Every structure is written in structure tokens, then in C-alpha cells.
Amino acid sequence: MIQPIPAIDILGGKCVRLEKGDYRQSCIFSHSPVDVAIRWVEQAAPMLHLVDLDGAKKGKPVNFQVIKEIVRSVSVPVEVGGGIRNIQHFYQYLEIGVQRVILGSIAFQEPKIISHMLRSSPESVVVSIDQRKGKIAIEGWTKTTSLSAPEAAKEFSQLGVQHFVYTDTERDGTLQGFDVPALRGFLDTSGVRVIVAGGIATIQDIINLKSLDGKIEGIILGKALYSGTLQLSEALNILREE
């Protein structure tokens, strides 16, 4: 079954949502990310997706203690991204019980480090395919590279990476709906399976993405959950149906 995964984006110790990754367009949903995490788990979330937005901008973990408290407070697996730029950051998160560590900028700037991480804990390595108009965006989506999203995923898959998060940065936080044709093209070209994010707004988006079952591990749900356009229970019910 495709897993619906609530996102908890942390900025200044608070749970927020950005629009298209723009730090100037942030909306605070809670002053306690820990309480938010507990609430999603109580609603049967199978996993949590945490992002240290301050870390993504500064290039190092900033909200580490908040994330540590979340991991201690919930009974489901947690994946974390944002500001993980060296091997020490990777191990710090594994030591506090994070199951998967999402690697964006470092994966494209220093791919040799990814090989080292894969040798020590292959199941914990997730490469973030943050695409903007088909190209890879890095450093908190503030820069766009010349590398195409499908080719990047293919190269990392050949390196041994088993898990990817695919984000449409132009739709993230906009509630515009997910671009399924673009995702289908990416999947067909790259040949990888992904967790998807960006623009998911309604139950119809979940139904559309379910048609790609077998190629999708999970669906990250952010603004849709916080704004109420989609209920976690609705997503769970649709994805459980045969």
C-alpha cells in the first residue's frame, strides 16, 4: 500500500508551511511540532516526514533538539531532511532514532559521501529529487542546477540508493494539485520508485497518484492536511481500498 505521510516543516522551532519553498511566504500552524507529530500518529499516520527549514537554509541542523523530541514522542518511523551536509549530520540523526535521512544538496555536491553512507546504512539513505522545470534545485531550493531530475535519479539508483523523495517545487505548498503526467514521465525515464510531494490538495490527487501504485512508496501531505482540504483518514481509506 502507498503510505500517506504527514509533513512537519520546522522553522524557528514552530510547525509552518511555505509556498514554493519561499521563506518569505510562511504560515505558522503550531508553536509545538511535537504536539503536531503526536496528533498525526494518533490519527494513524504510518510515518512522519520532518524538514528542518532553518537547517536547509544554513547548511547544518538547527532544529535538532525539536526533532529529537519528536522521535522520542512517537512510535512510527521518522524521516528527516534539511541541512544535512556532512557524514556527521547523517550519523547524528541515526543515533537519535531517525529511520531515514533525506539528502539534497550534499548528494549533488559531494556524491562520494553518499557512497560512504550507503556502505554503512543503505536503508537510511534517501536522495531528494527536488525538481524545478525538470532540473534539480538545491540549497533550500534557492539554486537550480543544470542536472535533469530523471538522470540524477538514475545515477543515484545505479550507485545503490533505494529511496527517493520527488518534489515538484513549483507546486509545493500551493494546493494546485499534483502534476501526475510529469511524474509519470519522470518515473518512466528514471526507472526508480519514489515518495512524492508538492501540490497535493484533494482526495482526487490521492486517487490519481494511486493509479501509479507499484512505482510510488508514499505521498507526503503538507498544506492540504493543515488547511483542511484533505483529511488523513480520507487518504488512508482510499489507499487501503483494493
C-alpha atoms as a PDB file:
ATOM      1  CA  MET A   1       0.000   0.000   0.000  1.00  0.00           C
ATOM      2  CA  ILE A   2       1.137   3.540  -0.747  1.00  0.00           C
ATOM      3  CA  GLN A   3       1.694   5.313   2.571  1.00  0.00           C
ATOM      4  CA  PRO A   4       0.248   8.779   3.285  1.00  0.00           C
ATOM      5  CA  ILE A   5       2.973  10.634   5.199  1.00  0.00           C
ATOM      6  CA  PRO A   6       2.211  13.872   7.090  1.00  0.00           C
ATOM      7  CA  ALA A   7       4.899  16.529   6.763  1.00  0.00           C
ATOM      8  CA  ILE A   8       6.081  18.659   9.648  1.00  0.00           C
ATOM      9  CA  ASP A   9       8.171  21.589   8.447  1.00  0.00           C
ATOM     10  CA  ILE A  10      10.055  23.293  11.271  1.00  0.00           C
ATOM     11  CA  LEU A  11      11.120  26.934  11.159  1.00  0.00           C
ATOM     12  CA  GLY A  12      12.204  28.774  14.281  1.00  0.00           C
ATOM     13  CA  GLY A  13      11.021  25.832  16.388  1.00  0.00           C
ATOM     14  CA  LYS A  14       7.478  26.111  15.018  1.00  0.00           C
ATOM     15  CA  CYS A  15       5.435  23.984  12.604  1.00  0.00           C
ATOM     16  CA  VAL A  16       4.991  26.019   9.417  1.00  0.00           C
ATOM     17  CA  ARG A  17       4.219  25.651   5.717  1.00  0.00           C
ATOM     18  CA  LEU A  18       5.946  27.553   2.951  1.00  0.00           C
ATOM     19  CA  GLU A  19       4.707  28.240  -0.574  1.00  0.00           C
ATOM     20  CA  LYS A  20       7.109  27.016  -3.284  1.00  0.00           C
ATOM     21  CA  GLY A  21       9.832  26.860  -0.642  1.00  0.00           C
ATOM     22  CA  ASP A  22       9.740  30.639  -0.198  1.00  0.00           C
ATOM     23  CA  TYR A  23      10.749  31.528   3.364  1.00  0.00           C
ATOM     24  CA  ARG A  24       9.018  34.896   2.958  1.00  0.00           C
ATOM     25  CA  GLN A  25       5.709  33.086   2.469  1.00  0.00           C
ATOM     26  CA  SER A  26       5.460  31.088   5.680  1.00  0.00           C
ATOM     27  CA  CYS A  27       2.346  30.302   7.680  1.00  0.00           C
ATOM     28  CA  ILE A  28       2.574  29.112  11.288  1.00  0.00           C
ATOM     29  CA  PHE A  29       0.279  26.190  12.070  1.00  0.00           C
ATOM     30  CA  SER A  30       1.534  25.336  15.544  1.00  0.00           C
ATOM     31  CA  HIS A  31       4.076  26.512  18.081  1.00  0.00           C
ATOM     32  CA  SER A  32       4.652  22.865  19.073  1.00  0.00           C
ATOM     33  CA  PRO A  33       5.841  20.492  16.319  1.00  0.00           C
ATOM     34  CA  VAL A  34       5.894  17.721  18.936  1.00  0.00           C
ATOM     35  CA  ASP A  35       2.169  18.091  19.586  1.00  0.00           C
ATOM     36  CA  VAL A  36       1.535  18.077  15.839  1.00  0.00           C
ATOM     37  CA  ALA A  37       3.549  14.870  15.439  1.00  0.00           C
ATOM     38  CA  ILE A  38       1.628  13.151  18.220  1.00  0.00           C
ATOM     39  CA  ARG A  39      -1.662  14.243  16.671  1.00  0.00           C
ATOM     40  CA  TRP A  40      -0.827  12.737  13.270  1.00  0.00           C
ATOM     41  CA  VAL A  41       0.259   9.470  14.861  1.00  0.00           C
ATOM     42  CA  GLU A  42      -2.974   9.343  16.869  1.00  0.00           C
ATOM     43  CA  GLN A  43      -4.766   9.647  13.505  1.00  0.00           C
ATOM     44  CA  ALA A  44      -2.912   6.530  12.259  1.00  0.00           C
ATOM     45  CA  ALA A  45      -0.093   8.154  10.281  1.00  0.00           C
ATOM     46  CA  PRO A  46       2.266   5.286   9.345  1.00  0.00           C
ATOM     47  CA  MET A  47       5.305   7.575   9.110  1.00  0.00           C
ATOM     48  CA  LEU A  48       6.327  11.220   9.569  1.00  0.00           C
ATOM     49  CA  HIS A  49       8.303  13.468   7.228  1.00  0.00           C
ATOM     50  CA  LEU A  50      10.233  16.181   9.100  1.00  0.00           C
ATOM     51  CA  VAL A  51      12.065  19.089   7.481  1.00  0.00           C
ATOM     52  CA  ASP A  52      14.450  21.430   9.288  1.00  0.00           C
ATOM     53  CA  LEU A  53      13.818  24.554   7.200  1.00  0.00           C
ATOM     54  CA  ASP A  54      16.332  26.604   9.179  1.00  0.00           C
ATOM     55  CA  GLY A  55      18.851  23.842   8.582  1.00  0.00           C
ATOM     56  CA  ALA A  56      18.186  23.770   4.848  1.00  0.00           C
ATOM     57  CA  LYS A  57      18.982  27.473   4.680  1.00  0.00           C
ATOM     58  CA  LYS A  58      22.004  27.464   6.987  1.00  0.00           C
ATOM     59  CA  GLY A  59      23.545  24.192   5.795  1.00  0.00           C
ATOM     60  CA  LYS A  60      23.544  22.481   9.190  1.00  0.00           C
ATOM     61  CA  PRO A  61      20.945  21.035  11.607  1.00  0.00           C
ATOM     62  CA  VAL A  62      19.281  23.855  13.558  1.00  0.00           C
ATOM     63  CA  ASN A  63      16.117  22.272  14.990  1.00  0.00           C
ATOM     64  CA  PHE A  64      17.887  19.084  16.073  1.00  0.00           C
ATOM     65  CA  GLN A  65      16.521  19.101  19.634  1.00  0.00           C
ATOM     66  CA  VAL A  66      12.922  19.519  18.445  1.00  0.00           C
ATOM     67  CA  ILE A  67      13.362  16.616  16.028  1.00  0.00           C
ATOM     68  CA  LYS A  68      14.940  14.517  18.760  1.00  0.00           C
ATOM     69  CA  GLU A  69      11.929  15.158  20.994  1.00  0.00           C
ATOM     70  CA  ILE A  70       9.537  14.205  18.191  1.00  0.00           C
ATOM     71  CA  VAL A  71      11.358  10.907  17.597  1.00  0.00           C
ATOM     72  CA  ARG A  72      11.163  10.154  21.325  1.00  0.00           C
ATOM     73  CA  SER A  73       7.453  11.008  21.440  1.00  0.00           C
ATOM     74  CA  VAL A  74       6.117   8.880  18.570  1.00  0.00           C
ATOM     75  CA  SER A  75       6.011   5.169  17.779  1.00  0.00           C
ATOM     76  CA  VAL A  76       6.223   5.377  13.973  1.00  0.00           C
ATOM     77  CA  PRO A  77       9.248   5.703  11.680  1.00  0.00           C
ATOM     78  CA  VAL A  78      10.533   9.207  11.045  1.00  0.00           C
ATOM     79  CA  GLU A  79      12.446  10.564   8.060  1.00  0.00           C
ATOM     80  CA  VAL A  80      14.302  13.875   8.276  1.00  0.00           C
ATOM     81  CA  GLY A  81      15.678  16.347   5.761  1.00  0.00           C
ATOM     82  CA  GLY A  82      17.098  19.841   5.773  1.00  0.00           C
ATOM     83  CA  GLY A  83      20.672  20.977   6.367  1.00  0.00           C
ATOM     84  CA  ILE A  84      22.342  17.564   6.307  1.00  0.00           C
ATOM     85  CA  ARG A  85      25.601  18.464   4.592  1.00  0.00           C
ATOM     86  CA  ASN A  86      28.165  16.001   6.007  1.00  0.00           C
ATOM     87  CA  ILE A  87      28.584  12.469   7.329  1.00  0.00           C
ATOM     88  CA  GLN A  88      28.469  13.647  10.965  1.00  0.00           C
ATOM     89  CA  HIS A  89      24.967  15.093  10.498  1.00  0.00           C
ATOM     90  CA  PHE A  90      23.862  11.776   8.974  1.00  0.00           C
ATOM     91  CA  TYR A  91      25.075   9.766  11.950  1.00  0.00           C
ATOM     92  CA  GLN A  92      23.703  12.271  14.484  1.00  0.00           C
ATOM     93  CA  TYR A  93      20.208  11.654  13.176  1.00  0.00           C
ATOM     94  CA  LEU A  94      20.606   7.887  13.069  1.00  0.00           C
ATOM     95  CA  GLU A  95      21.830   7.925  16.682  1.00  0.00           C
ATOM     96  CA  ILE A  96      18.592   9.561  17.918  1.00  0.00           C
ATOM     97  CA  GLY A  97      16.425   7.007  16.140  1.00  0.00           C
ATOM     98  CA  VAL A  98      15.636   8.621  12.795  1.00  0.00           C
ATOM     99  CA  GLN A  99      14.947   5.820  10.306  1.00  0.00           C
ATOM    100  CA  ARG A 100      15.719   7.649   7.061  1.00  0.00           C
ATOM    101  CA  VAL A 101      17.867  10.703   6.351  1.00  0.00           C
ATOM    102  CA  ILE A 102      16.953  12.791   3.294  1.00  0.00           C
ATOM    103  CA  LEU A 103      19.913  14.175   1.396  1.00  0.00           C
ATOM    104  CA  GLY A 104      19.536  17.010  -1.077  1.00  0.00           C
ATOM    105  CA  SER A 105      22.355  19.466  -1.703  1.00  0.00           C
ATOM    106  CA  ILE A 106      25.127  17.206  -0.400  1.00  0.00           C
ATOM    107  CA  ALA A 107      24.074  14.389  -2.736  1.00  0.00           C
ATOM    108  CA  PHE A 108      24.723  16.578  -5.767  1.00  0.00           C
ATOM    109  CA  GLN A 109      27.724  18.488  -4.444  1.00  0.00           C
ATOM    110  CA  GLU A 110      29.616  15.571  -2.845  1.00  0.00           C
ATOM    111  CA  PRO A 111      28.244  12.257  -4.190  1.00  0.00           C
ATOM    112  CA  LYS A 112      31.218  10.322  -2.756  1.00  0.00           C
ATOM    113  CA  ILE A 113      29.793  10.917   0.725  1.00  0.00           C
ATOM    114  CA  ILE A 114      26.581   9.186  -0.368  1.00  0.00           C
ATOM    115  CA  SER A 115      28.605   6.088  -1.261  1.00  0.00           C
ATOM    116  CA  HIS A 116      30.047   6.076   2.257  1.00  0.00           C
ATOM    117  CA  MET A 117      26.583   6.401   3.799  1.00  0.00           C
ATOM    118  CA  LEU A 118      25.281   3.577   1.627  1.00  0.00           C
ATOM    119  CA  ARG A 119      28.031   1.261   2.848  1.00  0.00           C
ATOM    120  CA  SER A 120      27.174   1.924   6.499  1.00  0.00           C
ATOM    121  CA  SER A 121      23.355   2.106   6.386  1.00  0.00           C
ATOM    122  CA  PRO A 122      21.818   1.691   2.905  1.00  0.00           C
ATOM    123  CA  GLU A 123      18.191   1.642   4.091  1.00  0.00           C
ATOM    124  CA  SER A 124      18.656   5.014   5.801  1.00  0.00           C
ATOM    125  CA  VAL A 125      19.746   6.919   2.698  1.00  0.00           C
ATOM    126  CA  VAL A 126      17.118   8.929   0.824  1.00  0.00           C
ATOM    127  CA  VAL A 127      18.056  11.227  -2.051  1.00  0.00           C
ATOM    128  CA  SER A 128      15.802  14.221  -2.576  1.00  0.00           C
ATOM    129  CA  ILE A 129      14.878  14.892  -6.197  1.00  0.00           C
ATOM    130  CA  ASP A 130      13.672  18.476  -5.878  1.00  0.00           C
ATOM    131  CA  GLN A 131      12.785  19.402  -9.439  1.00  0.00           C
ATOM    132  CA  ARG A 132      12.057  22.801 -10.882  1.00  0.00           C
ATOM    133  CA  LYS A 133      11.027  22.656 -14.554  1.00  0.00           C
ATOM    134  CA  GLY A 134      12.761  19.305 -14.869  1.00  0.00           C
ATOM    135  CA  LYS A 135      16.051  20.403 -13.283  1.00  0.00           C
ATOM    136  CA  ILE A 136      17.415  19.751  -9.783  1.00  0.00           C
ATOM    137  CA  ALA A 137      17.013  22.530  -7.173  1.00  0.00           C
ATOM    138  CA  ILE A 138      19.408  22.622  -4.196  1.00  0.00           C
ATOM    139  CA  GLU A 139      20.327  24.671  -1.103  1.00  0.00           C
ATOM    140  CA  GLY A 140      16.803  25.073   0.188  1.00  0.00           C
ATOM    141  CA  TRP A 141      15.587  25.431  -3.425  1.00  0.00           C
ATOM    142  CA  THR A 142      17.428  28.737  -3.733  1.00  0.00           C
ATOM    143  CA  LYS A 143      19.577  27.464  -6.643  1.00  0.00           C
ATOM    144  CA  THR A 144      18.760  25.400  -9.731  1.00  0.00           C
ATOM    145  CA  THR A 145      21.380  23.134 -11.316  1.00  0.00           C
ATOM    146  CA  SER A 146      21.712  22.068 -14.948  1.00  0.00           C
ATOM    147  CA  LEU A 147      21.180  18.402 -13.995  1.00  0.00           C
ATOM    148  CA  SER A 148      17.913  16.811 -15.134  1.00  0.00           C
ATOM    149  CA  ALA A 149      15.748  15.126 -12.488  1.00  0.00           C
ATOM    150  CA  PRO A 150      15.439  11.726 -14.286  1.00  0.00           C
ATOM    151  CA  GLU A 151      19.162  11.439 -14.994  1.00  0.00           C
ATOM    152  CA  ALA A 152      20.031  12.363 -11.405  1.00  0.00           C
ATOM    153  CA  ALA A 153      17.717   9.675 -10.045  1.00  0.00           C
ATOM    154  CA  LYS A 154      19.070   7.099 -12.496  1.00  0.00           C
ATOM    155  CA  GLU A 155      22.677   7.820 -11.480  1.00  0.00           C
ATOM    156  CA  PHE A 156      21.963   7.532  -7.766  1.00  0.00           C
ATOM    157  CA  SER A 157      19.975   4.346  -8.308  1.00  0.00           C
ATOM    158  CA  GLN A 158      22.982   2.832 -10.064  1.00  0.00           C
ATOM    159  CA  LEU A 159      25.085   3.922  -7.101  1.00  0.00           C
ATOM    160  CA  GLY A 160      22.830   1.871  -4.805  1.00  0.00           C
ATOM    161  CA  VAL A 161      20.296   4.397  -3.496  1.00  0.00           C
ATOM    162  CA  GLN A 162      16.969   2.630  -2.874  1.00  0.00           C
ATOM    163  CA  HIS A 163      14.785   5.520  -1.684  1.00  0.00           C
ATOM    164  CA  PHE A 164      13.931   8.855  -3.298  1.00  0.00           C
ATOM    165  CA  VAL A 165      11.664  11.791  -2.490  1.00  0.00           C
ATOM    166  CA  TYR A 166      10.386  13.521  -5.631  1.00  0.00           C
ATOM    167  CA  THR A 167       9.122  17.075  -5.067  1.00  0.00           C
ATOM    168  CA  ASP A 168       7.591  19.428  -7.600  1.00  0.00           C
ATOM    169  CA  THR A 169       8.968  22.648  -6.133  1.00  0.00           C
ATOM    170  CA  GLU A 170       6.750  24.838  -8.316  1.00  0.00           C
ATOM    171  CA  ARG A 171       3.637  23.344  -6.759  1.00  0.00           C
ATOM    172  CA  ASP A 172       4.788  22.689  -3.198  1.00  0.00           C
ATOM    173  CA  GLY A 173       2.554  24.474  -0.701  1.00  0.00           C
ATOM    174  CA  THR A 174       0.269  25.866  -3.416  1.00  0.00           C
ATOM    175  CA  LEU A 175      -2.656  23.376  -3.240  1.00  0.00           C
ATOM    176  CA  GLN A 176      -2.723  23.448  -7.056  1.00  0.00           C
ATOM    177  CA  GLY A 177      -2.911  19.674  -7.395  1.00  0.00           C
ATOM    178  CA  PHE A 178      -0.185  17.215  -8.290  1.00  0.00           C
ATOM    179  CA  ASP A 179       1.232  17.054 -11.826  1.00  0.00           C
ATOM    180  CA  VAL A 180       0.716  13.327 -12.460  1.00  0.00           C
ATOM    181  CA  PRO A 181       1.737  13.373 -16.155  1.00  0.00           C
ATOM    182  CA  ALA A 182       5.084  14.991 -15.249  1.00  0.00           C
ATOM    183  CA  LEU A 183       5.605  12.414 -12.501  1.00  0.00           C
ATOM    184  CA  ARG A 184       4.730   9.571 -14.861  1.00  0.00           C
ATOM    185  CA  GLY A 185       7.301  10.864 -17.347  1.00  0.00           C
ATOM    186  CA  PHE A 186       9.921  11.076 -14.608  1.00  0.00           C
ATOM    187  CA  LEU A 187       9.185   7.532 -13.411  1.00  0.00           C
ATOM    188  CA  ASP A 188       9.287   6.076 -16.913  1.00  0.00           C
ATOM    189  CA  THR A 189      12.588   7.781 -17.691  1.00  0.00           C
ATOM    190  CA  SER A 190      14.365   7.197 -14.375  1.00  0.00           C
ATOM    191  CA  GLY A 191      13.053   3.734 -13.524  1.00  0.00           C
ATOM    192  CA  VAL A 192      13.039   4.458  -9.758  1.00  0.00           C
ATOM    193  CA  ARG A 193      10.302   4.276  -7.111  1.00  0.00           C
ATOM    194  CA  VAL A 194       9.607   7.438  -5.133  1.00  0.00           C
ATOM    195  CA  ILE A 195       7.847   9.149  -2.283  1.00  0.00           C
ATOM    196  CA  VAL A 196       6.087  12.131  -3.862  1.00  0.00           C
ATOM    197  CA  ALA A 197       5.388  15.654  -2.615  1.00  0.00           C
ATOM    198  CA  GLY A 198       4.279  19.035  -3.863  1.00  0.00           C
ATOM    199  CA  GLY A 199       0.850  20.475  -4.576  1.00  0.00           C
ATOM    200  CA  ILE A 200      -1.316  17.604  -3.317  1.00  0.00           C
ATOM    201  CA  ALA A 201      -4.620  19.240  -2.387  1.00  0.00           C
ATOM    202  CA  THR A 202      -7.630  16.925  -2.501  1.00  0.00           C
ATOM    203  CA  ILE A 203      -8.729  13.318  -2.398  1.00  0.00           C
ATOM    204  CA  GLN A 204      -8.736  13.357  -6.223  1.00  0.00           C
ATOM    205  CA  ASP A 205      -4.964  13.870  -6.144  1.00  0.00           C
ATOM    206  CA  ILE A 206      -4.683  10.771  -3.954  1.00  0.00           C
ATOM    207  CA  ILE A 207      -6.842   8.789  -6.392  1.00  0.00           C
ATOM    208  CA  ASN A 208      -4.747   9.994  -9.336  1.00  0.00           C
ATOM    209  CA  LEU A 209      -1.497   9.055  -7.619  1.00  0.00           C
ATOM    210  CA  LYS A 210      -2.876   5.684  -6.570  1.00  0.00           C
ATOM    211  CA  SER A 211      -3.062   4.791 -10.269  1.00  0.00           C
ATOM    212  CA  LEU A 212       0.762   4.714 -10.150  1.00  0.00           C
ATOM    213  CA  ASP A 213       0.821   2.100  -7.372  1.00  0.00           C
ATOM    214  CA  GLY A 214       3.906  -0.044  -7.693  1.00  0.00           C
ATOM    215  CA  LYS A 215       6.031   2.961  -8.569  1.00  0.00           C
ATOM    216  CA  ILE A 216       5.186   5.084  -5.507  1.00  0.00           C
ATOM    217  CA  GLU A 217       6.166   4.271  -1.920  1.00  0.00           C
ATOM    218  CA  GLY A 218       4.414   7.160  -0.248  1.00  0.00           C
ATOM    219  CA  ILE A 219       2.664  10.502  -0.599  1.00  0.00           C
ATOM    220  CA  ILE A 220       3.823  13.405   1.563  1.00  0.00           C
ATOM    221  CA  LEU A 221       0.897  15.514   2.743  1.00  0.00           C
ATOM    222  CA  GLY A 222       1.518  19.025   3.973  1.00  0.00           C
ATOM    223  CA  LYS A 223      -0.612  22.100   3.445  1.00  0.00           C
ATOM    224  CA  ALA A 224      -3.655  20.036   2.423  1.00  0.00           C
ATOM    225  CA  LEU A 225      -3.785  18.484   5.901  1.00  0.00           C
ATOM    226  CA  TYR A 226      -3.141  21.739   7.736  1.00  0.00           C
ATOM    227  CA  SER A 227      -5.644  23.769   5.747  1.00  0.00           C
ATOM    228  CA  GLY A 228      -8.303  21.028   5.846  1.00  0.00           C
ATOM    229  CA  THR A 229      -8.716  20.425   2.107  1.00  0.00           C
ATOM    230  CA  LEU A 230      -7.806  16.793   2.778  1.00  0.00           C
ATOM    231  CA  GLN A 231      -8.204  14.595   5.853  1.00  0.00           C
ATOM    232  CA  LEU A 232      -5.581  11.985   6.731  1.00  0.00           C
ATOM    233  CA  SER A 233      -8.363   9.449   7.336  1.00  0.00           C
ATOM    234  CA  GLU A 234      -9.677  10.039   3.795  1.00  0.00           C
ATOM    235  CA  ALA A 235      -6.257   9.400   2.274  1.00  0.00           C
ATOM    236  CA  LEU A 236      -5.797   6.250   4.361  1.00  0.00           C
ATOM    237  CA  ASN A 237      -9.188   4.892   3.335  1.00  0.00           C
ATOM    238  CA  ILE A 238      -8.598   5.478  -0.394  1.00  0.00           C
ATOM    239  CA  LEU A 239      -5.124   3.964  -0.325  1.00  0.00           C
ATOM    240  CA  ARG A 240      -6.338   0.901   1.607  1.00  0.00           C
ATOM    241  CA  GLU A 241      -9.071   0.129  -0.902  1.00  0.00           C
ATOM    242  CA  GLU A 242      -8.377  -2.700  -3.332  1.00  0.00           C
END
